[in-house]
């Protein structure tokens, strides 16, 4: 399971319980820069995260996995399955994926304008707690759909990320357009 921005695999706490009760093995990967993972300076594009996923799946010798990508985890999962023809993975699940593009383009009028993401990036480096507080309001279908407790919990998970990773992943979300990559997915999705 690949988490969304700016969280970690902790966001799947309730899903882990349900899947384990159903007798399934579940592996959550916290992307570099987030949660308790290392927080190096360097590239945070989707290719780097896809390579990290491959390292984990290789190390654990996992085969025939169902790869689940939520929000930013969706385009990262897409990048993973198209790079190595889905090595280790038998199917792909995209949940609220930030794909094929998280930002509007001349021929893609959906999602956020690039200027709005630029504002998020600027806020990350000026007042990251405010950015995370605002994020909790847009995380679900409506501004008030999350309970106060869940909102605070997500806020805490977001604070555990590095500011650098939070900002650089916003850059990746803003700049990446996977429309040409979607036809390369050969797994059941």
N, C-alpha and C. Protein backbone atom coordinates (compact mmCIF):
# COMPACT_ATOMS: atom_id res chain seq x y z
N UNK A 1 0.86 -1.17 0.00
CA UNK A 1 0.00 0.00 0.00
C UNK A 1 0.90 1.23 0.00
N UNK A 2 0.63 2.14 -0.92
CA UNK A 2 1.44 3.35 -1.08
C UNK A 2 0.57 4.54 -0.70
N UNK A 3 1.03 5.30 0.27
CA UNK A 3 0.25 6.39 0.86
C UNK A 3 0.24 7.64 -0.02
N UNK A 4 -0.58 8.58 0.39
CA UNK A 4 -0.68 9.86 -0.29
C UNK A 4 0.14 10.94 0.41
N UNK A 5 0.24 12.06 -0.27
CA UNK A 5 0.94 13.25 0.25
C UNK A 5 0.06 13.89 1.30
N UNK A 6 0.57 14.40 2.34
CA UNK A 6 1.92 14.40 2.92
C UNK A 6 2.01 13.39 4.07
N UNK A 7 1.39 12.25 3.90
CA UNK A 7 1.20 11.31 5.00
C UNK A 7 2.27 10.21 5.01
N UNK A 8 1.97 9.10 5.63
CA UNK A 8 2.83 7.92 5.64
C UNK A 8 1.91 6.71 5.59
N UNK A 9 2.50 5.54 5.66
CA UNK A 9 1.65 4.35 5.62
C UNK A 9 0.74 4.25 6.85
N UNK A 10 1.00 5.07 7.87
CA UNK A 10 0.12 5.08 9.05
C UNK A 10 -1.32 5.43 8.68
N UNK A 11 -1.50 6.12 7.55
CA UNK A 11 -2.85 6.51 7.14
C UNK A 11 -3.74 5.30 6.88
N UNK A 12 -3.13 4.14 6.65
CA UNK A 12 -3.88 2.92 6.34
C UNK A 12 -4.19 2.09 7.59
N UNK A 13 -4.07 2.66 8.77
CA UNK A 13 -4.26 1.93 10.02
C UNK A 13 -5.54 1.08 10.02
N UNK A 14 -6.63 1.67 9.64
CA UNK A 14 -7.91 0.95 9.69
C UNK A 14 -8.02 -0.09 8.58
N UNK A 15 -7.46 0.21 7.40
CA UNK A 15 -7.47 -0.76 6.32
C UNK A 15 -6.60 -1.97 6.66
N UNK A 16 -5.45 -1.71 7.32
CA UNK A 16 -4.60 -2.83 7.72
C UNK A 16 -5.38 -3.81 8.59
N UNK A 17 -6.08 -3.30 9.57
CA UNK A 17 -6.84 -4.17 10.47
C UNK A 17 -7.84 -5.03 9.71
N UNK A 18 -8.59 -4.40 8.81
CA UNK A 18 -9.60 -5.15 8.05
C UNK A 18 -8.97 -6.20 7.15
N UNK A 19 -7.88 -5.84 6.48
CA UNK A 19 -7.23 -6.77 5.55
C UNK A 19 -6.59 -7.94 6.30
N UNK A 20 -5.98 -7.66 7.44
CA UNK A 20 -5.39 -8.73 8.24
C UNK A 20 -6.46 -9.68 8.78
N UNK A 21 -7.59 -9.13 9.20
CA UNK A 21 -8.69 -9.96 9.68
C UNK A 21 -9.23 -10.85 8.57
N UNK A 22 -9.09 -10.40 7.32
CA UNK A 22 -9.53 -11.19 6.17
C UNK A 22 -8.50 -12.24 5.76
N UNK A 23 -7.39 -12.31 6.51
CA UNK A 23 -6.39 -13.33 6.25
C UNK A 23 -5.35 -12.95 5.20
N UNK A 24 -5.25 -11.68 4.89
CA UNK A 24 -4.30 -11.24 3.87
C UNK A 24 -3.01 -10.73 4.51
N UNK A 25 -1.92 -10.86 3.78
CA UNK A 25 -0.67 -10.24 4.19
C UNK A 25 -0.68 -8.82 3.65
N UNK A 26 -0.30 -7.87 4.48
CA UNK A 26 -0.32 -6.47 4.07
C UNK A 26 1.05 -5.85 4.34
N UNK A 27 1.56 -5.16 3.33
CA UNK A 27 2.82 -4.45 3.47
C UNK A 27 2.56 -3.00 3.13
N UNK A 28 2.85 -2.13 4.08
CA UNK A 28 2.73 -0.70 3.83
C UNK A 28 4.12 -0.12 3.64
N UNK A 29 4.28 0.68 2.64
CA UNK A 29 5.57 1.32 2.36
C UNK A 29 5.43 2.81 2.64
N UNK A 30 6.23 3.30 3.57
CA UNK A 30 6.27 4.75 3.77
C UNK A 30 7.37 5.29 2.87
N UNK A 31 6.99 6.19 2.00
CA UNK A 31 7.93 6.76 1.04
C UNK A 31 9.02 7.56 1.74
N UNK A 32 10.19 7.61 1.13
CA UNK A 32 11.28 8.41 1.69
C UNK A 32 10.81 9.84 1.93
N UNK A 33 11.28 10.40 3.03
CA UNK A 33 10.92 11.77 3.37
C UNK A 33 9.67 11.89 4.23
N UNK A 34 8.96 10.80 4.41
CA UNK A 34 7.69 10.84 5.13
C UNK A 34 7.73 9.87 6.31
N UNK A 35 6.87 10.12 7.29
CA UNK A 35 6.76 9.23 8.43
C UNK A 35 8.09 8.96 9.10
N UNK A 36 8.37 7.69 9.33
CA UNK A 36 9.61 7.29 10.00
C UNK A 36 10.70 6.89 9.01
N UNK A 37 10.46 7.09 7.72
CA UNK A 37 11.49 6.78 6.72
C UNK A 37 12.60 7.81 6.77
N UNK A 38 13.73 7.45 6.17
CA UNK A 38 14.83 8.42 6.05
C UNK A 38 14.34 9.65 5.31
N UNK A 39 14.98 10.77 5.59
CA UNK A 39 14.57 12.05 5.00
C UNK A 39 15.76 12.72 4.30
N UNK A 40 16.30 12.07 3.27
CA UNK A 40 17.46 12.65 2.61
C UNK A 40 17.08 13.85 1.74
N UNK A 41 18.07 14.69 1.50
CA UNK A 41 17.89 15.74 0.49
C UNK A 41 18.23 15.12 -0.84
N UNK A 42 17.55 15.52 -1.87
CA UNK A 42 17.76 14.96 -3.20
C UNK A 42 16.44 14.93 -3.93
N UNK A 43 16.37 14.08 -4.92
CA UNK A 43 15.19 14.01 -5.78
C UNK A 43 14.04 13.29 -5.08
N UNK A 44 12.85 13.81 -5.31
CA UNK A 44 11.63 13.20 -4.79
C UNK A 44 10.62 13.02 -5.91
N UNK A 45 11.11 12.74 -7.12
CA UNK A 45 10.17 12.52 -8.21
C UNK A 45 9.61 11.10 -8.13
N UNK A 46 8.64 10.81 -8.97
CA UNK A 46 7.96 9.52 -8.90
C UNK A 46 8.89 8.36 -9.25
N UNK A 47 9.87 8.60 -10.11
CA UNK A 47 10.80 7.53 -10.46
C UNK A 47 11.61 7.08 -9.25
N UNK A 48 12.04 8.03 -8.41
CA UNK A 48 12.80 7.70 -7.20
C UNK A 48 11.94 6.85 -6.27
N UNK A 49 10.69 7.26 -6.08
CA UNK A 49 9.80 6.49 -5.20
C UNK A 49 9.52 5.10 -5.78
N UNK A 50 9.35 5.01 -7.10
CA UNK A 50 9.11 3.71 -7.74
C UNK A 50 10.32 2.79 -7.53
N UNK A 51 11.52 3.33 -7.62
CA UNK A 51 12.72 2.52 -7.38
C UNK A 51 12.77 2.05 -5.93
N UNK A 52 12.34 2.89 -5.00
CA UNK A 52 12.30 2.48 -3.59
C UNK A 52 11.31 1.33 -3.39
N UNK A 53 10.16 1.41 -4.05
CA UNK A 53 9.17 0.34 -3.95
C UNK A 53 9.77 -0.97 -4.47
N UNK A 54 10.46 -0.87 -5.59
CA UNK A 54 11.08 -2.08 -6.15
C UNK A 54 12.07 -2.68 -5.16
N UNK A 55 12.86 -1.84 -4.50
CA UNK A 55 13.82 -2.33 -3.51
C UNK A 55 13.13 -3.10 -2.39
N UNK A 56 12.02 -2.56 -1.91
CA UNK A 56 11.29 -3.22 -0.81
C UNK A 56 10.71 -4.55 -1.29
N UNK A 57 10.08 -4.55 -2.45
CA UNK A 57 9.48 -5.79 -2.95
C UNK A 57 10.54 -6.85 -3.24
N UNK A 58 11.70 -6.42 -3.76
CA UNK A 58 12.81 -7.36 -3.97
C UNK A 58 13.29 -7.93 -2.65
N UNK A 59 13.53 -7.07 -1.68
CA UNK A 59 14.07 -7.49 -0.38
C UNK A 59 13.13 -8.48 0.32
N UNK A 60 11.83 -8.21 0.25
CA UNK A 60 10.85 -9.08 0.89
C UNK A 60 10.45 -10.28 0.03
N UNK A 61 10.99 -10.33 -1.19
CA UNK A 61 10.69 -11.42 -2.14
C UNK A 61 9.19 -11.59 -2.34
N UNK A 62 8.52 -10.48 -2.52
CA UNK A 62 7.07 -10.50 -2.71
C UNK A 62 6.76 -10.75 -4.18
N UNK A 63 5.81 -11.62 -4.43
CA UNK A 63 5.33 -11.91 -5.78
C UNK A 63 3.81 -11.83 -5.80
N UNK A 64 3.26 -11.51 -6.94
CA UNK A 64 1.81 -11.47 -7.15
C UNK A 64 1.09 -10.53 -6.18
N UNK A 65 1.69 -9.42 -5.89
CA UNK A 65 1.09 -8.44 -4.97
C UNK A 65 0.02 -7.63 -5.69
N UNK A 66 -0.93 -7.18 -4.91
CA UNK A 66 -1.88 -6.17 -5.37
C UNK A 66 -1.30 -4.85 -4.87
N UNK A 67 -0.86 -4.01 -5.79
CA UNK A 67 -0.26 -2.73 -5.43
C UNK A 67 -1.36 -1.68 -5.36
N UNK A 68 -1.50 -1.06 -4.18
CA UNK A 68 -2.55 -0.06 -3.95
C UNK A 68 -1.88 1.30 -3.82
N UNK A 69 -2.32 2.27 -4.62
CA UNK A 69 -1.80 3.62 -4.54
C UNK A 69 -2.92 4.60 -4.25
N UNK A 70 -2.76 5.36 -3.17
CA UNK A 70 -3.75 6.37 -2.81
C UNK A 70 -3.17 7.75 -3.09
N UNK A 71 -3.96 8.63 -3.70
CA UNK A 71 -3.59 10.01 -3.97
C UNK A 71 -2.24 10.05 -4.66
N UNK A 72 -1.21 10.67 -4.08
CA UNK A 72 0.11 10.71 -4.71
C UNK A 72 0.67 9.30 -4.88
N UNK A 73 0.27 8.38 -4.03
CA UNK A 73 0.71 7.00 -4.19
C UNK A 73 0.21 6.38 -5.48
N UNK A 74 -0.87 6.91 -6.05
CA UNK A 74 -1.40 6.41 -7.32
C UNK A 74 -0.44 6.60 -8.47
N UNK A 75 -0.01 7.83 -8.76
CA UNK A 75 0.94 7.99 -9.86
C UNK A 75 2.28 7.32 -9.59
N UNK A 76 2.68 7.22 -8.34
CA UNK A 76 3.91 6.50 -8.03
C UNK A 76 3.73 5.02 -8.36
N UNK A 77 2.59 4.45 -8.02
CA UNK A 77 2.30 3.05 -8.34
C UNK A 77 2.25 2.86 -9.86
N UNK A 78 1.68 3.81 -10.57
CA UNK A 78 1.65 3.74 -12.04
C UNK A 78 3.08 3.70 -12.58
N UNK A 79 3.92 4.61 -12.10
CA UNK A 79 5.32 4.64 -12.54
C UNK A 79 5.99 3.30 -12.27
N UNK A 80 5.72 2.72 -11.10
CA UNK A 80 6.32 1.43 -10.77
C UNK A 80 5.90 0.35 -11.77
N UNK A 81 4.62 0.21 -12.02
CA UNK A 81 4.18 -0.92 -12.85
C UNK A 81 4.56 -0.76 -14.32
N UNK A 82 4.79 0.47 -14.79
CA UNK A 82 5.18 0.61 -16.20
C UNK A 82 6.69 0.49 -16.39
N UNK A 83 7.46 0.67 -15.32
CA UNK A 83 8.92 0.60 -15.45
C UNK A 83 9.41 -0.84 -15.67
N UNK A 84 8.89 -1.77 -14.93
CA UNK A 84 9.37 -3.15 -14.99
C UNK A 84 8.25 -4.12 -15.36
N UNK A 85 7.32 -3.67 -16.17
CA UNK A 85 6.17 -4.50 -16.56
C UNK A 85 5.51 -5.12 -15.34
N UNK A 86 5.46 -4.36 -14.26
CA UNK A 86 4.75 -4.80 -13.07
C UNK A 86 5.42 -5.92 -12.31
N UNK A 87 6.76 -5.98 -12.32
CA UNK A 87 7.47 -7.02 -11.57
C UNK A 87 6.95 -7.05 -10.14
N UNK A 88 6.73 -8.25 -9.64
CA UNK A 88 6.25 -8.51 -8.27
C UNK A 88 4.75 -8.23 -8.10
N UNK A 89 4.09 -7.66 -9.08
CA UNK A 89 2.72 -7.18 -8.91
C UNK A 89 1.81 -7.89 -9.91
N UNK A 90 0.65 -8.32 -9.42
CA UNK A 90 -0.31 -8.98 -10.31
C UNK A 90 -1.46 -8.06 -10.71
N UNK A 91 -1.73 -7.03 -9.89
CA UNK A 91 -2.78 -6.07 -10.23
C UNK A 91 -2.52 -4.76 -9.51
N UNK A 92 -3.21 -3.74 -9.98
CA UNK A 92 -3.01 -2.38 -9.49
C UNK A 92 -4.36 -1.81 -9.07
N UNK A 93 -4.39 -1.18 -7.89
CA UNK A 93 -5.59 -0.51 -7.41
C UNK A 93 -5.24 0.96 -7.19
N UNK A 94 -5.99 1.83 -7.82
CA UNK A 94 -5.79 3.27 -7.68
C UNK A 94 -6.98 3.84 -6.93
N UNK A 95 -6.71 4.45 -5.78
CA UNK A 95 -7.75 5.00 -4.92
C UNK A 95 -7.58 6.51 -4.85
N UNK A 96 -8.51 7.25 -5.41
CA UNK A 96 -8.40 8.71 -5.38
C UNK A 96 -7.04 9.15 -5.90
N UNK A 97 -6.56 8.49 -6.93
CA UNK A 97 -5.21 8.73 -7.43
C UNK A 97 -5.05 10.13 -8.01
N UNK A 98 -3.91 10.73 -7.73
CA UNK A 98 -3.55 12.04 -8.29
C UNK A 98 -2.99 11.82 -9.68
N UNK A 99 -3.79 11.17 -10.51
CA UNK A 99 -3.35 10.79 -11.84
C UNK A 99 -4.53 10.91 -12.81
N UNK A 100 -4.31 11.15 -14.05
CA UNK A 100 -3.00 11.20 -14.67
C UNK A 100 -2.24 12.50 -14.40
N UNK A 101 -2.93 13.55 -14.02
CA UNK A 101 -2.27 14.82 -13.70
C UNK A 101 -3.01 15.47 -12.53
N UNK A 102 -2.26 15.95 -11.56
CA UNK A 102 -2.84 16.62 -10.40
C UNK A 102 -3.13 18.08 -10.70
N UNK A 103 -2.59 18.55 -11.82
CA UNK A 103 -2.77 19.97 -12.17
C UNK A 103 -3.35 20.11 -13.57
N UNK A 104 -3.99 21.24 -13.75
CA UNK A 104 -4.58 21.56 -15.04
C UNK A 104 -3.49 21.83 -16.07
N UNK A 105 -3.83 21.54 -17.31
CA UNK A 105 -2.93 21.81 -18.45
C UNK A 105 -3.80 22.38 -19.56
N UNK A 106 -3.18 22.89 -20.59
CA UNK A 106 -3.94 23.51 -21.68
C UNK A 106 -5.02 22.58 -22.21
N UNK A 107 -4.72 21.30 -22.31
CA UNK A 107 -5.67 20.33 -22.85
C UNK A 107 -6.22 19.39 -21.77
N UNK A 108 -6.11 19.80 -20.50
CA UNK A 108 -6.58 18.99 -19.38
C UNK A 108 -7.11 19.95 -18.31
N UNK A 109 -8.43 20.23 -18.34
CA UNK A 109 -8.99 21.26 -17.46
C UNK A 109 -9.35 20.79 -16.05
N UNK A 110 -8.85 19.63 -15.66
CA UNK A 110 -9.26 19.03 -14.38
C UNK A 110 -8.23 19.31 -13.28
N UNK A 111 -8.70 19.23 -12.05
CA UNK A 111 -7.86 19.34 -10.85
C UNK A 111 -7.41 20.77 -10.61
N UNK A 112 -6.29 20.94 -9.94
CA UNK A 112 -5.87 22.27 -9.47
C UNK A 112 -5.11 23.04 -10.55
N UNK A 113 -5.28 24.36 -10.59
CA UNK A 113 -4.40 25.15 -11.45
C UNK A 113 -2.98 25.11 -10.89
N UNK A 114 -1.99 25.20 -11.77
CA UNK A 114 -0.60 25.17 -11.32
C UNK A 114 -0.33 26.29 -10.31
N UNK A 115 -0.97 27.43 -10.49
CA UNK A 115 -0.75 28.55 -9.57
C UNK A 115 -1.18 28.20 -8.15
N UNK A 116 -2.24 27.38 -8.00
CA UNK A 116 -2.68 26.96 -6.67
C UNK A 116 -1.64 26.06 -6.02
N UNK A 117 -1.01 25.20 -6.81
CA UNK A 117 0.04 24.33 -6.26
C UNK A 117 1.27 25.16 -5.91
N UNK A 118 1.57 26.17 -6.73
CA UNK A 118 2.67 27.07 -6.39
C UNK A 118 2.43 27.74 -5.04
N UNK A 119 1.19 28.08 -4.76
CA UNK A 119 0.85 28.69 -3.46
C UNK A 119 1.05 27.68 -2.33
N UNK A 120 0.70 26.41 -2.57
CA UNK A 120 0.92 25.37 -1.56
C UNK A 120 2.42 25.19 -1.29
N UNK A 121 3.21 25.22 -2.35
CA UNK A 121 4.66 25.07 -2.19
C UNK A 121 5.21 26.24 -1.36
N UNK A 122 4.78 27.44 -1.68
CA UNK A 122 5.24 28.62 -0.93
C UNK A 122 4.82 28.52 0.54
N UNK A 123 3.58 28.08 0.79
CA UNK A 123 3.09 27.95 2.15
C UNK A 123 3.88 26.88 2.91
N UNK A 124 4.29 25.82 2.22
CA UNK A 124 5.09 24.77 2.85
C UNK A 124 6.35 25.36 3.48
N UNK A 125 6.99 26.27 2.78
CA UNK A 125 8.25 26.83 3.28
C UNK A 125 8.06 28.05 4.18
N UNK A 126 6.82 28.52 4.27
CA UNK A 126 6.54 29.68 5.13
C UNK A 126 5.83 29.25 6.43
N UNK A 127 4.84 28.36 6.30
CA UNK A 127 4.02 27.96 7.45
C UNK A 127 3.46 26.56 7.18
N UNK A 128 4.33 25.56 7.30
CA UNK A 128 3.91 24.18 6.99
C UNK A 128 2.77 23.71 7.88
N UNK A 129 2.72 24.06 9.17
CA UNK A 129 1.56 23.66 9.96
C UNK A 129 0.24 24.19 9.38
N UNK A 130 0.25 25.40 8.84
CA UNK A 130 -0.97 25.94 8.21
C UNK A 130 -1.31 25.14 6.95
N UNK A 131 -0.29 24.79 6.18
CA UNK A 131 -0.51 23.97 4.99
C UNK A 131 -1.18 22.65 5.38
N UNK A 132 -0.66 22.01 6.41
CA UNK A 132 -1.22 20.72 6.84
C UNK A 132 -2.62 20.88 7.41
N UNK A 133 -2.85 21.96 8.13
CA UNK A 133 -4.19 22.23 8.65
C UNK A 133 -5.18 22.41 7.50
N UNK A 134 -4.79 23.14 6.49
CA UNK A 134 -5.64 23.34 5.32
C UNK A 134 -5.85 22.03 4.57
N UNK A 135 -4.81 21.22 4.51
CA UNK A 135 -4.90 19.94 3.82
C UNK A 135 -5.97 19.05 4.44
N UNK A 136 -6.03 19.02 5.76
CA UNK A 136 -7.03 18.19 6.44
C UNK A 136 -8.44 18.57 6.03
N UNK A 137 -8.65 19.84 5.69
CA UNK A 137 -9.98 20.30 5.29
C UNK A 137 -10.35 19.84 3.89
N UNK A 138 -9.34 19.60 3.03
CA UNK A 138 -9.64 19.18 1.65
C UNK A 138 -9.38 17.69 1.43
N UNK A 139 -8.97 16.99 2.48
CA UNK A 139 -8.62 15.57 2.36
C UNK A 139 -9.82 14.71 1.99
N UNK A 140 -10.98 15.07 2.48
CA UNK A 140 -12.17 14.24 2.24
C UNK A 140 -13.16 14.97 1.34
N UNK A 141 -14.29 14.37 1.14
CA UNK A 141 -15.28 14.88 0.18
C UNK A 141 -15.75 16.29 0.51
N UNK A 142 -15.90 16.60 1.79
CA UNK A 142 -16.31 17.95 2.19
C UNK A 142 -15.40 18.44 3.30
N UNK A 143 -15.37 19.74 3.51
CA UNK A 143 -14.48 20.33 4.51
C UNK A 143 -14.73 19.81 5.91
N UNK A 144 -15.97 19.44 6.20
CA UNK A 144 -16.31 19.00 7.55
C UNK A 144 -16.55 17.50 7.67
N UNK A 145 -16.18 16.72 6.65
CA UNK A 145 -16.46 15.28 6.66
C UNK A 145 -15.61 14.51 7.67
N UNK A 146 -14.41 15.01 7.97
CA UNK A 146 -13.55 14.32 8.92
C UNK A 146 -13.88 14.74 10.34
N UNK A 147 -13.84 13.80 11.26
CA UNK A 147 -14.01 14.17 12.67
C UNK A 147 -12.79 14.98 13.10
N UNK A 148 -12.93 15.71 14.18
CA UNK A 148 -11.82 16.51 14.69
C UNK A 148 -10.63 15.60 15.03
N UNK A 149 -10.92 14.44 15.60
CA UNK A 149 -9.85 13.50 15.96
C UNK A 149 -9.08 13.00 14.75
N UNK A 150 -9.80 12.61 13.70
CA UNK A 150 -9.13 12.13 12.49
C UNK A 150 -8.31 13.27 11.87
N UNK A 151 -8.86 14.47 11.85
CA UNK A 151 -8.13 15.62 11.32
C UNK A 151 -6.82 15.86 12.06
N UNK A 152 -6.87 15.78 13.39
CA UNK A 152 -5.66 15.97 14.19
C UNK A 152 -4.67 14.83 13.97
N UNK A 153 -5.18 13.64 13.82
CA UNK A 153 -4.33 12.47 13.57
C UNK A 153 -3.59 12.64 12.25
N UNK A 154 -4.31 13.01 11.18
CA UNK A 154 -3.67 13.23 9.88
C UNK A 154 -2.66 14.37 9.95
N UNK A 155 -2.99 15.42 10.69
CA UNK A 155 -2.09 16.55 10.87
C UNK A 155 -0.78 16.07 11.50
N UNK A 156 -0.88 15.24 12.52
CA UNK A 156 0.31 14.70 13.18
C UNK A 156 1.15 13.85 12.24
N UNK A 157 0.49 13.03 11.43
CA UNK A 157 1.23 12.22 10.47
C UNK A 157 1.95 13.15 9.48
N UNK A 158 1.26 14.18 9.02
CA UNK A 158 1.87 15.13 8.09
C UNK A 158 3.06 15.85 8.68
N UNK A 159 3.00 16.17 9.96
CA UNK A 159 4.13 16.84 10.61
C UNK A 159 5.37 15.96 10.66
N UNK A 160 5.18 14.65 10.60
CA UNK A 160 6.34 13.75 10.67
C UNK A 160 7.13 13.72 9.36
N UNK A 161 6.60 14.30 8.31
CA UNK A 161 7.33 14.38 7.04
C UNK A 161 8.34 15.52 7.11
N UNK A 162 9.35 15.44 6.25
CA UNK A 162 10.29 16.56 6.19
C UNK A 162 9.68 17.66 5.32
N UNK A 163 10.00 18.87 5.66
CA UNK A 163 9.53 20.01 4.87
C UNK A 163 10.04 19.91 3.44
N UNK A 164 11.28 19.47 3.30
CA UNK A 164 11.87 19.35 1.96
C UNK A 164 11.10 18.34 1.12
N UNK A 165 10.83 17.15 1.68
CA UNK A 165 10.09 16.13 0.94
C UNK A 165 8.67 16.60 0.64
N UNK A 166 8.05 17.27 1.60
CA UNK A 166 6.69 17.78 1.40
C UNK A 166 6.66 18.74 0.21
N UNK A 167 7.63 19.64 0.17
CA UNK A 167 7.69 20.61 -0.94
C UNK A 167 8.05 19.97 -2.26
N UNK A 168 9.05 19.10 -2.26
CA UNK A 168 9.49 18.47 -3.51
C UNK A 168 8.42 17.55 -4.09
N UNK A 169 7.65 16.90 -3.25
CA UNK A 169 6.56 16.07 -3.76
C UNK A 169 5.44 16.93 -4.32
N UNK A 170 5.24 18.12 -3.77
CA UNK A 170 4.29 19.05 -4.39
C UNK A 170 4.77 19.45 -5.78
N UNK A 171 6.06 19.63 -5.94
CA UNK A 171 6.62 19.94 -7.27
C UNK A 171 6.34 18.78 -8.22
N UNK A 172 6.56 17.54 -7.76
CA UNK A 172 6.28 16.37 -8.60
C UNK A 172 4.79 16.29 -8.93
N UNK A 173 3.95 16.54 -7.95
CA UNK A 173 2.51 16.53 -8.20
C UNK A 173 2.13 17.59 -9.23
N UNK A 174 2.75 18.76 -9.14
CA UNK A 174 2.45 19.85 -10.06
C UNK A 174 2.94 19.55 -11.47
N UNK A 175 4.11 18.97 -11.60
CA UNK A 175 4.77 18.89 -12.90
C UNK A 175 4.52 17.60 -13.67
N UNK A 176 4.07 16.55 -13.01
CA UNK A 176 3.99 15.25 -13.67
C UNK A 176 2.66 15.07 -14.38
N UNK A 177 2.77 14.63 -15.63
CA UNK A 177 1.61 14.33 -16.47
C UNK A 177 1.78 12.90 -16.98
N UNK A 178 0.95 12.00 -16.51
CA UNK A 178 1.08 10.58 -16.85
C UNK A 178 0.10 10.13 -17.94
N UNK A 179 -0.52 11.05 -18.64
CA UNK A 179 -1.51 10.63 -19.64
C UNK A 179 -0.90 9.72 -20.69
N UNK A 180 0.33 9.97 -21.12
CA UNK A 180 0.97 9.10 -22.11
C UNK A 180 1.42 7.77 -21.52
N UNK A 181 1.49 7.70 -20.20
CA UNK A 181 1.92 6.46 -19.55
C UNK A 181 0.77 5.49 -19.28
N UNK A 182 -0.44 6.00 -19.18
CA UNK A 182 -1.58 5.14 -18.84
C UNK A 182 -1.74 3.95 -19.79
N UNK A 183 -1.59 4.14 -21.11
CA UNK A 183 -1.74 2.97 -21.99
C UNK A 183 -0.65 1.89 -21.80
N UNK A 184 0.42 2.24 -21.10
CA UNK A 184 1.51 1.28 -20.87
C UNK A 184 1.21 0.32 -19.72
N UNK A 185 0.15 0.58 -18.98
CA UNK A 185 -0.22 -0.32 -17.90
C UNK A 185 -0.80 -1.59 -18.49
N UNK A 186 -0.19 -2.73 -18.18
CA UNK A 186 -0.65 -3.99 -18.76
C UNK A 186 -1.32 -4.90 -17.73
N UNK A 187 -1.32 -4.49 -16.48
CA UNK A 187 -1.93 -5.29 -15.41
C UNK A 187 -3.40 -4.96 -15.25
N UNK A 188 -4.19 -5.88 -14.74
CA UNK A 188 -5.57 -5.53 -14.36
C UNK A 188 -5.52 -4.37 -13.36
N UNK A 189 -6.31 -3.34 -13.64
CA UNK A 189 -6.27 -2.13 -12.81
C UNK A 189 -7.68 -1.72 -12.43
